[in-house]
C-alpha atoms as a PDB file:
ATOM      1  CA  MET A   1      92.877 144.943   6.597  1.00  0.00           C
ATOM      2  CA  GLY A   2      93.662 144.766  10.290  1.00  0.00           C
ATOM      3  CA  PHE A   3      95.806 143.372  13.062  1.00  0.00           C
ATOM      4  CA  THR A   4      94.679 140.457  15.205  1.00  0.00           C
ATOM      5  CA  THR A   5      96.112 138.410  18.034  1.00  0.00           C
ATOM      6  CA  THR A   6      94.791 135.454  20.000  1.00  0.00           C
ATOM      7  CA  ARG A   7      95.130 134.412  23.616  1.00  0.00           C
ATOM      8  CA  SER A   8      94.137 131.123  25.124  1.00  0.00           C
ATOM      9  CA  ALA A   9      91.642 130.863  27.984  1.00  0.00           C
ATOM     10  CA  TYR A  10      94.528 129.765  30.206  1.00  0.00           C
ATOM     11  CA  ASP A  11      96.536 132.904  29.356  1.00  0.00           C
ATOM     12  CA  ILE A  12      93.574 135.129  30.151  1.00  0.00           C
ATOM     13  CA  SER A  13      92.804 133.383  33.449  1.00  0.00           C
ATOM     14  CA  GLU A  14      96.454 133.529  34.552  1.00  0.00           C
ATOM     15  CA  GLN A  15      96.701 137.238  33.734  1.00  0.00           C
ATOM     16  CA  ALA A  16      93.481 137.957  35.645  1.00  0.00           C
ATOM     17  CA  ALA A  17      94.677 135.936  38.649  1.00  0.00           C
ATOM     18  CA  TRP A  18      97.998 137.817  38.695  1.00  0.00           C
ATOM     19  CA  GLU A  19      96.245 141.191  38.652  1.00  0.00           C
ATOM     20  CA  VAL A  20      93.989 140.159  41.539  1.00  0.00           C
ATOM     21  CA  ARG A  21      96.925 138.854  43.577  1.00  0.00           C
ATOM     22  CA  SER A  22      98.583 142.214  43.033  1.00  0.00           C
ATOM     23  CA  VAL A  23      95.900 143.823  45.217  1.00  0.00           C
ATOM     24  CA  THR A  24      96.906 141.560  48.101  1.00  0.00           C
ATOM     25  CA  LEU A  25     100.551 142.448  47.506  1.00  0.00           C
ATOM     26  CA  ALA A  26      99.714 146.158  47.445  1.00  0.00           C
ATOM     27  CA  VAL A  27      97.857 145.913  50.767  1.00  0.00           C
ATOM     28  CA  ALA A  28     100.910 144.219  52.273  1.00  0.00           C
ATOM     29  CA  ARG A  29     103.088 146.989  50.826  1.00  0.00           C
ATOM     30  CA  TYR A  30     100.871 149.646  52.390  1.00  0.00           C
ATOM     31  CA  ARG A  31     100.929 147.927  55.791  1.00  0.00           C
ATOM     32  CA  ASP A  32     104.703 147.686  55.590  1.00  0.00           C
ATOM     33  CA  ALA A  33     104.924 151.414  54.891  1.00  0.00           C
ATOM     34  CA  ALA A  34     102.619 152.086  57.849  1.00  0.00           C
ATOM     35  CA  GLY A  35     104.784 150.059  60.209  1.00  0.00           C
ATOM     36  CA  GLY A  36     105.748 152.872  62.553  1.00  0.00           C
ATOM     37  CA  ARG A  37     108.038 154.720  60.156  1.00  0.00           C
ATOM     38  CA  ASN A  38     108.377 158.470  59.894  1.00  0.00           C
ATOM     39  CA  ILE A  39     106.261 159.438  56.899  1.00  0.00           C
ATOM     40  CA  ASP A  40     108.796 162.107  55.887  1.00  0.00           C
ATOM     41  CA  ASP A  41     111.441 159.391  55.443  1.00  0.00           C
ATOM     42  CA  LEU A  42     109.366 157.514  52.858  1.00  0.00           C
ATOM     43  CA  PRO A  43     109.469 157.976  49.056  1.00  0.00           C
ATOM     44  CA  PRO A  44     106.685 160.148  47.585  1.00  0.00           C
ATOM     45  CA  GLY A  45     104.690 157.131  46.391  1.00  0.00           C
ATOM     46  CA  ARG A  46     104.677 155.480  49.814  1.00  0.00           C
ATOM     47  CA  ARG A  47     103.715 158.781  51.439  1.00  0.00           C
ATOM     48  CA  ALA A  48     100.772 159.055  49.054  1.00  0.00           C
ATOM     49  CA  MET A  49      99.629 155.565  50.088  1.00  0.00           C
ATOM     50  CA  LEU A  50      99.726 156.436  53.790  1.00  0.00           C
ATOM     51  CA  GLU A  51      97.958 159.759  53.263  1.00  0.00           C
ATOM     52  CA  THR A  52      95.077 158.143  51.375  1.00  0.00           C
ATOM     53  CA  ILE A  53      94.630 154.421  52.073  1.00  0.00           C
ATOM     54  CA  GLY A  54      95.079 154.597  55.857  1.00  0.00           C
ATOM     55  CA  PRO A  55      92.506 157.334  56.599  1.00  0.00           C
ATOM     56  CA  VAL A  56      90.058 155.985  54.011  1.00  0.00           C
ATOM     57  CA  SER A  57      90.361 152.491  55.524  1.00  0.00           C
ATOM     58  CA  ALA A  58      89.540 153.925  58.958  1.00  0.00           C
ATOM     59  CA  VAL A  59      86.305 155.436  57.600  1.00  0.00           C
ATOM     60  CA  VAL A  60      85.417 152.184  55.811  1.00  0.00           C
ATOM     61  CA  THR A  61      85.901 150.348  59.119  1.00  0.00           C
ATOM     62  CA  GLU A  62      83.342 152.698  60.709  1.00  0.00           C
ATOM     63  CA  PHE A  63      80.893 151.954  57.885  1.00  0.00           C
ATOM     64  CA  GLN A  64      81.420 148.216  58.296  1.00  0.00           C
ATOM     65  CA  GLN A  65      80.866 148.314  62.055  1.00  0.00           C
ATOM     66  CA  ALA A  66      77.677 150.331  61.503  1.00  0.00           C
ATOM     67  CA  ALA A  67      76.532 147.740  58.933  1.00  0.00           C
ATOM     68  CA  ILE A  68      77.067 144.932  61.431  1.00  0.00           C
ATOM     69  CA  GLY A  69      75.141 146.859  64.078  1.00  0.00           C
ATOM     70  CA  ALA A  70      72.226 147.232  61.643  1.00  0.00           C
ATOM     71  CA  GLN A  71      71.648 143.461  61.524  1.00  0.00           C
ATOM     72  CA  LYS A  72      68.929 143.666  64.185  1.00  0.00           C
ATOM     73  CA  GLY A  73      66.564 145.194  61.646  1.00  0.00           C
ATOM     74  CA  ARG A  74      66.298 144.529  57.921  1.00  0.00           C
ATOM     75  CA  PRO A  75      69.655 145.681  56.532  1.00  0.00           C
ATOM     76  CA  PRO A  76      69.939 146.607  52.842  1.00  0.00           C
ATOM     77  CA  GLY A  77      71.523 144.028  50.572  1.00  0.00           C
ATOM     78  CA  TRP A  78      74.596 146.121  49.785  1.00  0.00           C
ATOM     79  CA  HIS A  79      75.754 145.863  53.419  1.00  0.00           C
ATOM     80  CA  PHE A  80      76.868 142.272  52.882  1.00  0.00           C
ATOM     81  CA  PRO A  81      79.293 142.862  49.970  1.00  0.00           C
ATOM     82  CA  LEU A  82      80.727 145.732  52.024  1.00  0.00           C
ATOM     83  CA  LEU A  83      81.356 143.293  54.881  1.00  0.00           C
ATOM     84  CA  ALA A  84      82.871 140.643  52.630  1.00  0.00           C
ATOM     85  CA  PHE A  85      86.241 142.438  52.372  1.00  0.00           C
ATOM     86  CA  HIS A  86      88.869 143.796  54.728  1.00  0.00           C
ATOM     87  CA  ALA A  87      88.678 147.578  55.040  1.00  0.00           C
ATOM     88  CA  ASP A  88      92.241 147.956  53.706  1.00  0.00           C
ATOM     89  CA  VAL A  89      91.279 146.112  50.499  1.00  0.00           C
ATOM     90  CA  LEU A  90      88.183 148.264  49.972  1.00  0.00           C
ATOM     91  CA  ALA A  91      90.181 151.431  50.606  1.00  0.00           C
ATOM     92  CA  LEU A  92      93.028 150.428  48.321  1.00  0.00           C
ATOM     93  CA  ILE A  93      90.746 149.568  45.394  1.00  0.00           C
ATOM     94  CA  ALA A  94      88.683 152.743  45.847  1.00  0.00           C
ATOM     95  CA  VAL A  95      91.796 154.927  46.003  1.00  0.00           C
ATOM     96  CA  ALA A  96      93.423 153.219  43.020  1.00  0.00           C
ATOM     97  CA  VAL A  97      90.314 153.538  40.844  1.00  0.00           C
ATOM     98  CA  ALA A  98      89.796 157.180  41.790  1.00  0.00           C
ATOM     99  CA  LEU A  99      93.424 158.173  41.226  1.00  0.00           C
ATOM    100  CA  ARG A 100      93.460 156.556  37.802  1.00  0.00           C
ATOM    101  CA  ALA A 101      90.630 158.787  36.611  1.00  0.00           C
ATOM    102  CA  ALA A 102      90.750 160.642  33.302  1.00  0.00           C
ATOM    103  CA  PRO A 103      90.777 164.384  32.540  1.00  0.00           C
ATOM    104  CA  MET A 104      87.324 165.977  32.295  1.00  0.00           C
ATOM    105  CA  GLU A 105      86.005 169.384  31.290  1.00  0.00           C
ATOM    106  CA  PHE A 106      87.442 172.598  32.724  1.00  0.00           C
ATOM    107  CA  SER A 107      90.812 171.019  33.593  1.00  0.00           C
ATOM    108  CA  ARG A 108      89.301 168.760  36.272  1.00  0.00           C
ATOM    109  CA  VAL A 109      90.235 165.089  36.700  1.00  0.00           C
ATOM    110  CA  GLY A 110      87.722 162.482  37.808  1.00  0.00           C
ATOM    111  CA  LEU A 111      85.001 160.089  36.731  1.00  0.00           C
ATOM    112  CA  ALA A 112      81.242 159.809  37.084  1.00  0.00           C
ATOM    113  CA  LEU A 113      79.964 157.853  40.066  1.00  0.00           C
ATOM    114  CA  THR A 114      78.418 155.288  37.703  1.00  0.00           C
ATOM    115  CA  SER A 115      81.817 154.628  36.099  1.00  0.00           C
ATOM    116  CA  PHE A 116      83.453 154.547  39.524  1.00  0.00           C
ATOM    117  CA  SER A 117      80.829 151.994  40.574  1.00  0.00           C
ATOM    118  CA  ARG A 118      81.469 149.687  37.595  1.00  0.00           C
ATOM    119  CA  ARG A 119      85.243 149.754  38.039  1.00  0.00           C
ATOM    120  CA  VAL A 120      85.196 149.289  41.806  1.00  0.00           C
ATOM    121  CA  CYS A 121      82.641 146.475  41.761  1.00  0.00           C
ATOM    122  CA  GLY A 122      84.443 144.744  38.892  1.00  0.00           C
ATOM    123  CA  ALA A 123      87.675 144.754  40.879  1.00  0.00           C
ATOM    124  CA  LEU A 124      85.894 143.622  44.049  1.00  0.00           C
ATOM    125  CA  ARG A 125      84.114 140.795  42.214  1.00  0.00           C
ATOM    126  CA  ASP A 126      87.472 139.459  40.990  1.00  0.00           C
ATOM    127  CA  GLN A 127      88.925 139.914  44.453  1.00  0.00           C
ATOM    128  CA  ALA A 128      86.019 137.984  46.012  1.00  0.00           C
ATOM    129  CA  ASP A 129      86.650 135.022  43.712  1.00  0.00           C
ATOM    130  CA  HIS A 130      90.333 135.055  44.617  1.00  0.00           C
ATOM    131  CA  ASP A 131      89.648 135.382  48.351  1.00  0.00           C
ATOM    132  CA  ARG A 132      87.181 132.513  48.263  1.00  0.00           C
ATOM    133  CA  PHE A 133      89.809 130.300  46.652  1.00  0.00           C
ATOM    134  CA  VAL A 134      92.312 131.245  49.370  1.00  0.00           C
ATOM    135  CA  ARG A 135      89.754 130.515  52.102  1.00  0.00           C
ATOM    136  CA  ASP A 136      89.013 127.121  50.594  1.00  0.00           C
ATOM    137  CA  GLN A 137      92.705 126.317  50.708  1.00  0.00           C
ATOM    138  CA  ARG A 138      92.899 127.382  54.346  1.00  0.00           C
ATOM    139  CA  ALA A 139      89.768 125.402  55.228  1.00  0.00           C
ATOM    140  CA  ALA A 140      91.403 122.289  53.799  1.00  0.00           C
ATOM    141  CA  LYS A 141      94.170 122.823  56.335  1.00  0.00           C
ATOM    142  CA  LYS A 142      91.561 123.310  59.100  1.00  0.00           C
ATOM    143  CA  ILE A 143      92.660 126.769  60.160  1.00  0.00           C
ATOM    144  CA  ASP A 144      90.820 127.985  63.273  1.00  0.00           C
ATOM    145  CA  PRO A 145      87.809 130.093  62.168  1.00  0.00           C
ATOM    146  CA  ASN A 146      87.900 132.024  65.454  1.00  0.00           C
ATOM    147  CA  GLY A 147      90.659 134.127  63.961  1.00  0.00           C
ATOM    148  CA  ASP A 148      88.184 135.584  61.478  1.00  0.00           C
ATOM    149  CA  LEU A 149      87.940 139.385  61.744  1.00  0.00           C
ATOM    150  CA  LEU A 150      84.274 139.401  60.786  1.00  0.00           C
ATOM    151  CA  LEU A 151      83.416 136.957  63.580  1.00  0.00           C
ATOM    152  CA  ARG A 152      85.221 139.114  66.150  1.00  0.00           C
ATOM    153  CA  ARG A 153      83.343 142.196  64.987  1.00  0.00           C
ATOM    154  CA  PHE A 154      80.014 140.365  65.115  1.00  0.00           C
ATOM    155  CA  GLN A 155      80.721 139.175  68.663  1.00  0.00           C
ATOM    156  CA  LYS A 156      81.655 142.715  69.667  1.00  0.00           C
ATOM    157  CA  ALA A 157      78.381 144.116  68.282  1.00  0.00           C
ATOM    158  CA  PHE A 158      76.248 141.256  69.652  1.00  0.00           C
ATOM    159  CA  PRO A 159      77.981 139.693  72.678  1.00  0.00           C
ATOM    160  CA  ASP A 160      74.846 137.701  73.577  1.00  0.00           C
ATOM    161  CA  ALA A 161      74.182 136.329  70.079  1.00  0.00           C
ATOM    162  CA  ASN A 162      74.030 132.560  69.724  1.00  0.00           C
ATOM    163  CA  ARG A 163      75.662 130.347  67.113  1.00  0.00           C
ATOM    164  CA  ARG A 164      72.507 130.276  64.986  1.00  0.00           C
ATOM    165  CA  ALA A 165      72.466 134.081  64.678  1.00  0.00           C
ATOM    166  CA  TRP A 166      76.111 134.087  63.615  1.00  0.00           C
ATOM    167  CA  SER A 167      75.460 131.301  61.091  1.00  0.00           C
ATOM    168  CA  ARG A 168      72.606 133.238  59.470  1.00  0.00           C
ATOM    169  CA  PHE A 169      74.722 136.385  59.273  1.00  0.00           C
ATOM    170  CA  ALA A 170      77.802 134.542  57.943  1.00  0.00           C
ATOM    171  CA  ALA A 171      75.674 132.804  55.296  1.00  0.00           C
ATOM    172  CA  LYS A 172      74.470 136.158  53.974  1.00  0.00           C
ATOM    173  CA  VAL A 173      78.029 137.515  53.791  1.00  0.00           C
ATOM    174  CA  GLU A 174      79.215 134.351  52.048  1.00  0.00           C
ATOM    175  CA  GLY A 175      76.331 134.686  49.611  1.00  0.00           C
ATOM    176  CA  ALA A 176      77.534 138.199  48.824  1.00  0.00           C
ATOM    177  CA  ARG A 177      81.026 136.844  48.179  1.00  0.00           C
ATOM    178  CA  SER A 178      79.869 134.230  45.695  1.00  0.00           C
ATOM    179  CA  GLY A 179      76.741 135.751  44.146  1.00  0.00           C
ATOM    180  CA  LYS A 180      76.205 138.486  41.598  1.00  0.00           C
ATOM    181  CA  TRP A 181      75.470 141.927  43.039  1.00  0.00           C
ATOM    182  CA  PRO A 182      72.536 143.935  41.662  1.00  0.00           C
ATOM    183  CA  ASP A 183      73.482 147.175  39.957  1.00  0.00           C
ATOM    184  CA  LYS A 184      71.743 149.200  42.665  1.00  0.00           C
ATOM    185  CA  ASP A 185      73.906 147.498  45.328  1.00  0.00           C
ATOM    186  CA  CYS A 186      77.051 148.327  43.336  1.00  0.00           C
ATOM    187  CA  VAL A 187      76.021 151.976  43.214  1.00  0.00           C
ATOM    188  CA  GLU A 188      75.399 151.988  46.979  1.00  0.00           C
ATOM    189  CA  ILE A 189      78.793 150.389  47.636  1.00  0.00           C
ATOM    190  CA  ALA A 190      80.489 152.935  45.371  1.00  0.00           C
ATOM    191  CA  ALA A 191      78.618 155.782  47.064  1.00  0.00           C
ATOM    192  CA  ALA A 192      79.787 154.597  50.490  1.00  0.00           C
ATOM    193  CA  LEU A 193      83.396 154.259  49.295  1.00  0.00           C
ATOM    194  CA  SER A 194      83.296 157.656  47.614  1.00  0.00           C
ATOM    195  CA  GLN A 195      82.182 159.191  50.922  1.00  0.00           C
ATOM    196  CA  ALA A 196      85.031 157.337  52.634  1.00  0.00           C
ATOM    197  CA  LEU A 197      87.440 158.925  50.138  1.00  0.00           C
ATOM    198  CA  VAL A 198      86.146 162.401  50.908  1.00  0.00           C
ATOM    199  CA  ARG A 199      86.064 161.955  54.685  1.00  0.00           C
ATOM    200  CA  GLY A 200      89.375 160.122  54.901  1.00  0.00           C
ATOM    201  CA  ALA A 201      91.421 162.081  52.368  1.00  0.00           C
ATOM    202  CA  PRO A 202      89.715 165.442  51.692  1.00  0.00           C
ATOM    203  CA  ASP A 203      92.969 166.905  50.379  1.00  0.00           C
ATOM    204  CA  TRP A 204      92.893 164.310  47.608  1.00  0.00           C
ATOM    205  CA  PHE A 205      89.242 163.692  46.705  1.00  0.00           C
ATOM    206  CA  SER A 206      85.885 165.425  46.401  1.00  0.00           C
ATOM    207  CA  VAL A 207      82.418 164.260  45.364  1.00  0.00           C
ATOM    208  CA  GLU A 208      80.238 166.802  43.608  1.00  0.00           C
ATOM    209  CA  ARG A 209      77.999 167.362  40.633  1.00  0.00           C
ATOM    210  CA  PHE A 210      80.176 168.267  37.695  1.00  0.00           C
ATOM    211  CA  GLY A 211      79.833 168.598  33.928  1.00  0.00           C
ATOM    212  CA  LEU A 212      78.167 170.645  31.240  1.00  0.00           C
ATOM    213  CA  GLY A 213      74.593 171.860  31.320  1.00  0.00           C
ATOM    214  CA  ALA A 214      72.253 172.725  34.162  1.00  0.00           C
ATOM    215  CA  ALA A 215      73.599 171.927  37.619  1.00  0.00           C
ATOM    216  CA  ALA A 216      70.638 169.687  38.464  1.00  0.00           C
ATOM    217  CA  ARG A 217      71.402 167.489  35.451  1.00  0.00           C
ATOM    218  CA  GLN A 218      75.133 167.209  35.986  1.00  0.00           C
ATOM    219  CA  PRO A 219      76.268 163.737  37.087  1.00  0.00           C
ATOM    220  CA  VAL A 220      77.672 163.090  40.538  1.00  0.00           C
ATOM    221  CA  CYS A 221      81.421 162.616  40.083  1.00  0.00           C
ATOM    222  CA  VAL A 222      84.404 161.468  42.108  1.00  0.00           C
ATOM    223  CA  LEU A 223      86.991 164.187  41.461  1.00  0.00           C
ATOM    224  CA  LEU A 224      90.631 164.696  42.292  1.00  0.00           C
ATOM    225  CA  THR A 225      91.564 167.932  43.996  1.00  0.00           C
ATOM    226  CA  HIS A 226      94.101 170.256  42.395  1.00  0.00           C
ATOM    227  CA  GLU A 227      96.581 169.197  45.075  1.00  0.00           C
ATOM    228  CA  ALA A 228      96.120 165.530  44.145  1.00  0.00           C
ATOM    229  CA  VAL A 229      96.678 166.284  40.459  1.00  0.00           C
ATOM    230  CA  ALA A 230      99.879 168.127  41.351  1.00  0.00           C
ATOM    231  CA  ARG A 231     101.083 165.192  43.471  1.00  0.00           C
ATOM    232  CA  LEU A 232     100.400 162.788  40.611  1.00  0.00           C
ATOM    233  CA  ALA A 233     102.847 164.749  38.467  1.00  0.00           C
ATOM    234  CA  GLU A 234     105.598 162.949  40.411  1.00  0.00           C
ATOM    235  CA  PHE A 235     106.597 159.746  38.647  1.00  0.00           C
ATOM    236  CA  ASP A 236     107.024 157.792  41.895  1.00  0.00           C
ATOM    237  CA  VAL A 237     103.458 158.609  42.951  1.00  0.00           C
ATOM    238  CA  ARG A 238     102.043 157.595  39.558  1.00  0.00           C
ATOM    239  CA  ALA A 239     103.945 154.300  39.712  1.00  0.00           C
ATOM    240  CA  GLU A 240     102.615 153.552  43.208  1.00  0.00           C
ATOM    241  CA  VAL A 241      99.057 154.348  42.162  1.00  0.00           C
ATOM    242  CA  ALA A 242      99.287 151.974  39.202  1.00  0.00           C
ATOM    243  CA  ARG A 243     100.904 149.200  41.247  1.00  0.00           C
ATOM    244  CA  PRO A 244      97.800 147.567  42.797  1.00  0.00           C
ATOM    245  CA  LEU A 245      95.935 146.896  39.576  1.00  0.00           C
ATOM    246  CA  MET A 246      98.513 147.229  36.774  1.00  0.00           C
ATOM    247  CA  LEU A 247     101.507 144.976  37.371  1.00  0.00           C
ATOM    248  CA  PRO A 248     103.671 143.671  34.509  1.00  0.00           C
ATOM    249  CA  MET A 249     102.134 140.960  32.365  1.00  0.00           C
ATOM    250  CA  LEU A 250     102.658 137.408  33.563  1.00  0.00           C
ATOM    251  CA  ILE A 251     102.091 135.971  30.078  1.00  0.00           C
ATOM    252  CA  GLU A 252     104.041 137.439  27.183  1.00  0.00           C
ATOM    253  CA  PRO A 253     101.678 138.731  24.467  1.00  0.00           C
ATOM    254  CA  ASN A 254     101.375 136.727  21.279  1.00  0.00           C
ATOM    255  CA  PRO A 255     102.896 138.356  18.171  1.00  0.00           C
ATOM    256  CA  TRP A 256     100.505 140.458  16.138  1.00  0.00           C
ATOM    257  CA  GLN A 257      99.410 138.951  12.844  1.00  0.00           C
ATOM    258  CA  TYR A 258      98.648 141.019   9.772  1.00  0.00           C
ATOM    259  CA  LYS A 259      95.555 139.994   7.814  1.00  0.00           C
ATOM    260  CA  GLU A 260      93.914 141.368   4.723  1.00  0.00           C
ATOM    261  CA  VAL A 261      90.191 141.940   5.264  1.00  0.00           C
ATOM    262  CA  ASN A 262      87.887 142.254   2.297  1.00  0.00           C
ATOM    263  CA  HIS A 263      85.054 144.667   3.131  1.00  0.00           C
ATOM    264  CA  ALA A 264      83.406 144.290  -0.266  1.00  0.00           C
END
């Protein structure tokens, strides 16, 4: 015997689209909180956003500018997915995934870098599909491409570059937006974002080998500090952390159906 329920492909696609749009809404919420207000006047959840997403985004921006500057040589493939997103989006997804980690041994909270990589790249892949759809809609309205942040950064790094150089670079970034990323590139992206977490918000995150057994065989993990765990005890902070990727369901779930299953 067991319980089953069914959802149509439309229901699933609408739910996925709503969750991806929630990332965009969360970025807007963070930017609103950062709009020149006194951090002490904000609720605990908003303060947590400013203490983590802002500094982490600043580090990610440094990584992105370095990746653009590396285009003169033979840059690694993972540079292009890193450049396909705004730094605030990368920071928000990295922070949200890290803060939603599970308890581990010895009263620590975190997740292995491989798990962090799968979750981050899964969220970014969905975000890339959504962003491409939005860009297609804007292109249909003939919005001026000179407003593109990536173009401005490229021109800053290479002021003498011609249109052909920009076209080659933009094609590689667009390929990263639409193509599948190799597992090794996902791990490199996750490693870069984990370092951004540690550099930008050291009071919240650490990256270290952790687990049972010999130290050399312990996996590299993204861990929450004891201070971060204490902050997450506040309901408002937990609600803000869940907001980017766990909004209420857009489609009401279908009723569960009870069925007898014969295992004979």
